[in-house]
């Protein structure tokens, strides 16, 4: 892995990525391999060591070591094989990283996501509902490897300066990453459902999202979904609002 890194921001994406040799595709897809070397550069540059508000959804895959990071004014520590999702508009600050820290930081715009999934099968999104409260997910070695492999493919194409189909390849590899993420979240949700771990409102929310993906093309009535979920039509918007 090359020793590159960055903190993704809404106001100075270009300057920070250039400073730390990250990769940027049309300001829509940003990939930064982050190491302790990158952290040292951040500490030497005051502008890179402050708290920022991220413009795009940002994904972090911890490959080794640990990171202390403040997300929306809450302190977190994430270690190897943690998968972290930070929503757009969130504030972040990297407080500290261990000597062996290595991670991928991947940010993407809403436009890039829409272009990627256009005419493709929709993906489950229920797990993204509670990312502000619980941004990190502990992965197994196999799950972490699957995500790393998918991001490595994105990394490969973002480093190519001359490729006749670079846009298509980035959208395809990004979609593969989305499918891997969805598979992991679906597996985790199924395991929790079987154990009865999720609160009733969370279970209903996941059920609603699943029904939407299945019937949204032809069913638009709230009463249809509330009937499928065995709840009142009045109760459904209350759950969605929460």
Protein backbone atom coordinates (compact mmCIF):
# COMPACT_ATOMS: atom_id res chain seq x y z
CA UNK A 1 0.00 0.00 0.00
CA UNK A 2 1.28 3.48 -0.77
CA UNK A 3 1.69 5.87 2.12
CA UNK A 4 -1.04 8.34 1.24
CA UNK A 5 -3.80 9.85 3.33
CA UNK A 6 -6.33 12.60 3.92
CA UNK A 7 -9.23 13.85 5.91
CA UNK A 8 -12.18 14.35 3.57
CA UNK A 9 -13.76 17.80 3.89
CA UNK A 10 -16.50 19.83 2.30
CA UNK A 11 -14.52 23.01 1.73
CA UNK A 12 -11.01 21.96 0.71
CA UNK A 13 -11.26 18.50 -0.80
CA UNK A 14 -8.84 19.25 -3.62
CA UNK A 15 -6.10 20.85 -1.53
CA UNK A 16 -6.08 18.13 1.14
CA UNK A 17 -6.12 15.29 -1.36
CA UNK A 18 -3.28 16.89 -3.31
CA UNK A 19 -1.33 17.38 -0.07
CA UNK A 20 -1.57 13.70 0.82
CA UNK A 21 -1.62 12.17 -2.68
CA UNK A 22 -5.13 10.78 -2.57
CA UNK A 23 -7.21 9.95 -5.63
CA UNK A 24 -10.13 12.02 -6.86
CA UNK A 25 -12.56 11.25 -9.68
CA UNK A 26 -14.46 14.40 -10.72
CA UNK A 27 -14.96 15.39 -7.07
CA UNK A 28 -17.52 12.57 -6.91
CA UNK A 29 -15.44 9.61 -5.77
CA UNK A 30 -12.46 10.07 -3.45
CA UNK A 31 -10.15 7.31 -2.22
CA UNK A 32 -7.38 7.85 0.30
CA UNK A 33 -5.16 5.09 1.73
CA UNK A 34 -4.39 6.42 5.22
CA UNK A 35 -1.36 5.40 7.29
CA UNK A 36 0.64 6.70 10.26
CA UNK A 37 2.77 8.50 7.67
CA UNK A 38 -0.34 10.39 6.62
CA UNK A 39 -1.16 11.19 10.23
CA UNK A 40 2.30 12.70 10.72
CA UNK A 41 1.73 14.97 7.73
CA UNK A 42 -1.61 16.01 9.24
CA UNK A 43 0.05 16.92 12.53
CA UNK A 44 2.64 19.07 10.75
CA UNK A 45 -0.07 20.92 8.85
CA UNK A 46 -2.53 22.72 11.12
CA UNK A 47 -5.18 22.92 8.43
CA UNK A 48 -5.21 19.12 8.15
CA UNK A 49 -5.45 18.50 11.87
CA UNK A 50 -8.72 20.29 12.62
CA UNK A 51 -12.33 19.22 12.84
CA UNK A 52 -14.19 19.23 9.54
CA UNK A 53 -17.69 18.69 8.28
CA UNK A 54 -17.73 16.05 5.56
CA UNK A 55 -19.59 16.82 2.37
CA UNK A 56 -20.11 13.21 1.26
CA UNK A 57 -20.81 9.86 2.80
CA UNK A 58 -17.44 8.56 3.99
CA UNK A 59 -16.55 4.90 4.53
CA UNK A 60 -13.52 3.78 6.53
CA UNK A 61 -12.12 0.24 6.52
CA UNK A 62 -9.54 -0.29 9.28
CA UNK A 63 -6.87 -2.66 7.92
CA UNK A 64 -4.53 -2.65 10.94
CA UNK A 65 -3.84 -0.75 14.16
CA UNK A 66 -6.37 1.62 15.73
CA UNK A 67 -7.74 5.11 15.33
CA UNK A 68 -9.23 7.57 17.83
CA UNK A 69 -11.74 9.71 15.97
CA UNK A 70 -14.38 12.21 17.01
CA UNK A 71 -17.60 11.91 14.98
CA UNK A 72 -20.33 14.45 15.66
CA UNK A 73 -18.60 15.37 18.93
CA UNK A 74 -18.59 11.78 20.19
CA UNK A 75 -15.28 10.01 20.77
CA UNK A 76 -14.76 6.60 19.20
CA UNK A 77 -11.91 4.12 18.96
CA UNK A 78 -11.92 1.66 16.08
CA UNK A 79 -9.48 -1.20 15.56
CA UNK A 80 -8.59 -3.70 12.86
CA UNK A 81 -11.51 -5.00 10.77
CA UNK A 82 -13.88 -2.24 11.84
CA UNK A 83 -16.10 -0.78 9.14
CA UNK A 84 -17.11 2.83 9.81
CA UNK A 85 -19.87 4.75 8.00
CA UNK A 86 -20.01 8.53 8.37
CA UNK A 87 -23.03 10.34 6.92
CA UNK A 88 -22.85 13.54 4.86
CA UNK A 89 -22.90 16.67 7.00
CA UNK A 90 -21.22 14.93 9.93
CA UNK A 91 -18.27 16.55 11.69
CA UNK A 92 -15.09 14.48 12.12
CA UNK A 93 -11.67 14.93 13.67
CA UNK A 94 -8.89 12.35 13.72
CA UNK A 95 -7.45 12.58 17.23
CA UNK A 96 -4.82 9.85 17.14
CA UNK A 97 -3.67 6.78 15.22
CA UNK A 98 -1.45 3.92 16.35
CA UNK A 99 1.97 3.32 14.81
CA UNK A 100 0.74 0.41 12.69
CA UNK A 101 -2.49 2.12 11.60
CA UNK A 102 -3.59 1.55 8.01
CA UNK A 103 -7.04 2.21 6.54
CA UNK A 104 -8.98 3.08 3.43
CA UNK A 105 -11.02 6.29 3.41
CA UNK A 106 -13.61 6.27 0.61
CA UNK A 107 -16.01 9.18 0.03
CA UNK A 108 -18.68 9.48 -2.63
CA UNK A 109 -21.31 11.99 -3.69
CA UNK A 110 -25.02 11.33 -4.03
CA UNK A 111 -24.70 11.94 -7.76
CA UNK A 112 -22.10 9.19 -8.11
CA UNK A 113 -24.32 6.73 -6.21
CA UNK A 114 -27.37 7.56 -8.36
CA UNK A 115 -25.34 7.11 -11.55
CA UNK A 116 -23.99 3.80 -10.22
CA UNK A 117 -27.28 2.16 -9.29
CA UNK A 118 -29.21 3.50 -12.26
CA UNK A 119 -31.08 0.59 -13.88
CA UNK A 120 -29.55 -1.82 -11.36
CA UNK A 121 -31.17 -3.77 -8.58
CA UNK A 122 -31.77 -1.55 -5.51
CA UNK A 123 -29.83 -2.35 -2.35
CA UNK A 124 -30.93 -2.65 1.29
CA UNK A 125 -30.40 0.60 3.16
CA UNK A 126 -31.89 -0.07 6.60
CA UNK A 127 -28.50 -0.35 8.32
CA UNK A 128 -27.69 3.26 7.37
CA UNK A 129 -30.59 4.56 9.48
CA UNK A 130 -28.69 4.54 12.80
CA UNK A 131 -25.14 5.41 11.70
CA UNK A 132 -25.05 8.61 13.77
CA UNK A 133 -25.45 6.62 16.98
CA UNK A 134 -23.40 3.59 15.97
CA UNK A 135 -21.05 4.34 13.05
CA UNK A 136 -18.73 1.34 13.53
CA UNK A 137 -19.34 -2.33 12.72
CA UNK A 138 -16.96 -5.11 13.77
CA UNK A 139 -16.29 -7.40 10.82
CA UNK A 140 -14.97 -10.92 10.58
CA UNK A 141 -11.66 -11.52 8.81
CA UNK A 142 -13.55 -12.83 5.79
CA UNK A 143 -15.91 -9.83 5.66
CA UNK A 144 -13.04 -7.36 6.01
CA UNK A 145 -11.15 -9.12 3.22
CA UNK A 146 -14.18 -8.93 0.93
CA UNK A 147 -14.47 -5.17 1.44
CA UNK A 148 -10.72 -4.63 1.09
CA UNK A 149 -10.71 -6.58 -2.18
CA UNK A 150 -13.57 -4.44 -3.53
CA UNK A 151 -11.86 -1.19 -2.52
CA UNK A 152 -8.57 -2.43 -3.98
CA UNK A 153 -10.32 -2.72 -7.33
CA UNK A 154 -11.56 0.88 -7.05
CA UNK A 155 -8.04 1.90 -6.03
CA UNK A 156 -6.60 0.18 -9.13
CA UNK A 157 -8.82 2.07 -11.57
CA UNK A 158 -8.49 5.44 -9.83
CA UNK A 159 -4.72 5.27 -10.32
CA UNK A 160 -5.06 4.78 -14.08
CA UNK A 161 -4.63 7.95 -16.09
CA UNK A 162 -5.47 6.39 -19.42
CA UNK A 163 -8.39 4.01 -19.61
CA UNK A 164 -11.03 4.30 -22.29
CA UNK A 165 -13.81 3.13 -19.95
CA UNK A 166 -12.69 4.60 -16.61
CA UNK A 167 -16.14 5.96 -15.73
CA UNK A 168 -17.85 2.63 -16.37
CA UNK A 169 -15.18 0.67 -14.50
CA UNK A 170 -15.42 2.92 -11.44
CA UNK A 171 -19.21 2.65 -11.37
CA UNK A 172 -19.03 -1.13 -11.75
CA UNK A 173 -16.40 -1.63 -9.07
CA UNK A 174 -18.22 0.76 -6.73
CA UNK A 175 -21.44 -1.19 -7.26
CA UNK A 176 -19.60 -4.40 -6.37
CA UNK A 177 -18.54 -2.74 -3.11
CA UNK A 178 -22.15 -1.74 -2.40
CA UNK A 179 -23.27 -5.34 -2.92
CA UNK A 180 -20.58 -6.61 -0.53
CA UNK A 181 -21.65 -4.06 2.10
CA UNK A 182 -25.29 -5.02 1.63
CA UNK A 183 -24.47 -8.70 1.98
CA UNK A 184 -22.65 -8.08 5.26
CA UNK A 185 -25.40 -5.90 6.70
CA UNK A 186 -28.10 -8.34 5.63
CA UNK A 187 -26.21 -11.21 7.26
CA UNK A 188 -25.80 -9.25 10.50
CA UNK A 189 -29.46 -8.22 10.52
CA UNK A 190 -30.60 -11.79 9.92
CA UNK A 191 -28.45 -13.04 12.78
CA UNK A 192 -29.85 -10.37 15.11
CA UNK A 193 -33.41 -11.05 14.00
CA UNK A 194 -32.98 -14.75 14.72
CA UNK A 195 -31.68 -13.94 18.20
CA UNK A 196 -34.37 -11.34 18.84
CA UNK A 197 -31.72 -8.69 19.54
CA UNK A 198 -33.19 -5.77 17.58
CA UNK A 199 -35.84 -3.58 19.28
CA UNK A 200 -39.31 -3.82 17.77
CA UNK A 201 -39.08 -0.41 16.07
CA UNK A 202 -35.80 -1.35 14.41
CA UNK A 203 -37.27 -4.63 13.23
CA UNK A 204 -40.26 -2.79 11.77
CA UNK A 205 -37.96 -0.28 10.07
CA UNK A 206 -35.90 -3.06 8.49
CA UNK A 207 -39.12 -4.81 7.44
CA UNK A 208 -40.42 -1.63 5.84
CA UNK A 209 -37.20 -1.06 3.86
CA UNK A 210 -37.26 -4.67 2.69
CA UNK A 211 -40.87 -4.30 1.53
CA UNK A 212 -40.02 -1.06 -0.26
CA UNK A 213 -37.26 -2.74 -2.25
CA UNK A 214 -39.63 -5.54 -3.18
CA UNK A 215 -42.83 -3.63 -4.00
CA UNK A 216 -41.92 0.06 -4.54
CA UNK A 217 -42.32 -0.17 -8.32
CA UNK A 218 -46.00 -1.08 -8.10
CA UNK A 219 -47.22 -0.32 -4.56
CA UNK A 220 -47.34 3.31 -3.43
CA UNK A 221 -50.03 3.27 -0.76
CA UNK A 222 -48.95 3.53 2.91
CA UNK A 223 -51.84 1.24 3.84
CA UNK A 224 -50.33 -1.58 1.76
CA UNK A 225 -47.08 -1.47 3.73
CA UNK A 226 -48.75 -1.07 7.10
CA UNK A 227 -50.97 -4.07 6.35
CA UNK A 228 -47.96 -6.15 5.37
CA UNK A 229 -46.29 -5.17 8.65
CA UNK A 230 -49.47 -5.78 10.72
CA UNK A 231 -49.47 -2.24 12.12
CA UNK A 232 -51.83 0.71 11.71
CA UNK A 233 -51.41 3.19 8.88
CA UNK A 234 -51.09 5.94 11.52
CA UNK A 235 -48.23 4.15 13.31
CA UNK A 236 -46.09 3.70 10.18
CA UNK A 237 -45.14 7.40 9.68
CA UNK A 238 -44.27 7.68 13.38
CA UNK A 239 -41.68 4.88 13.00
CA UNK A 240 -40.26 6.45 9.84
CA UNK A 241 -40.00 9.85 11.52
CA UNK A 242 -38.02 8.39 14.44
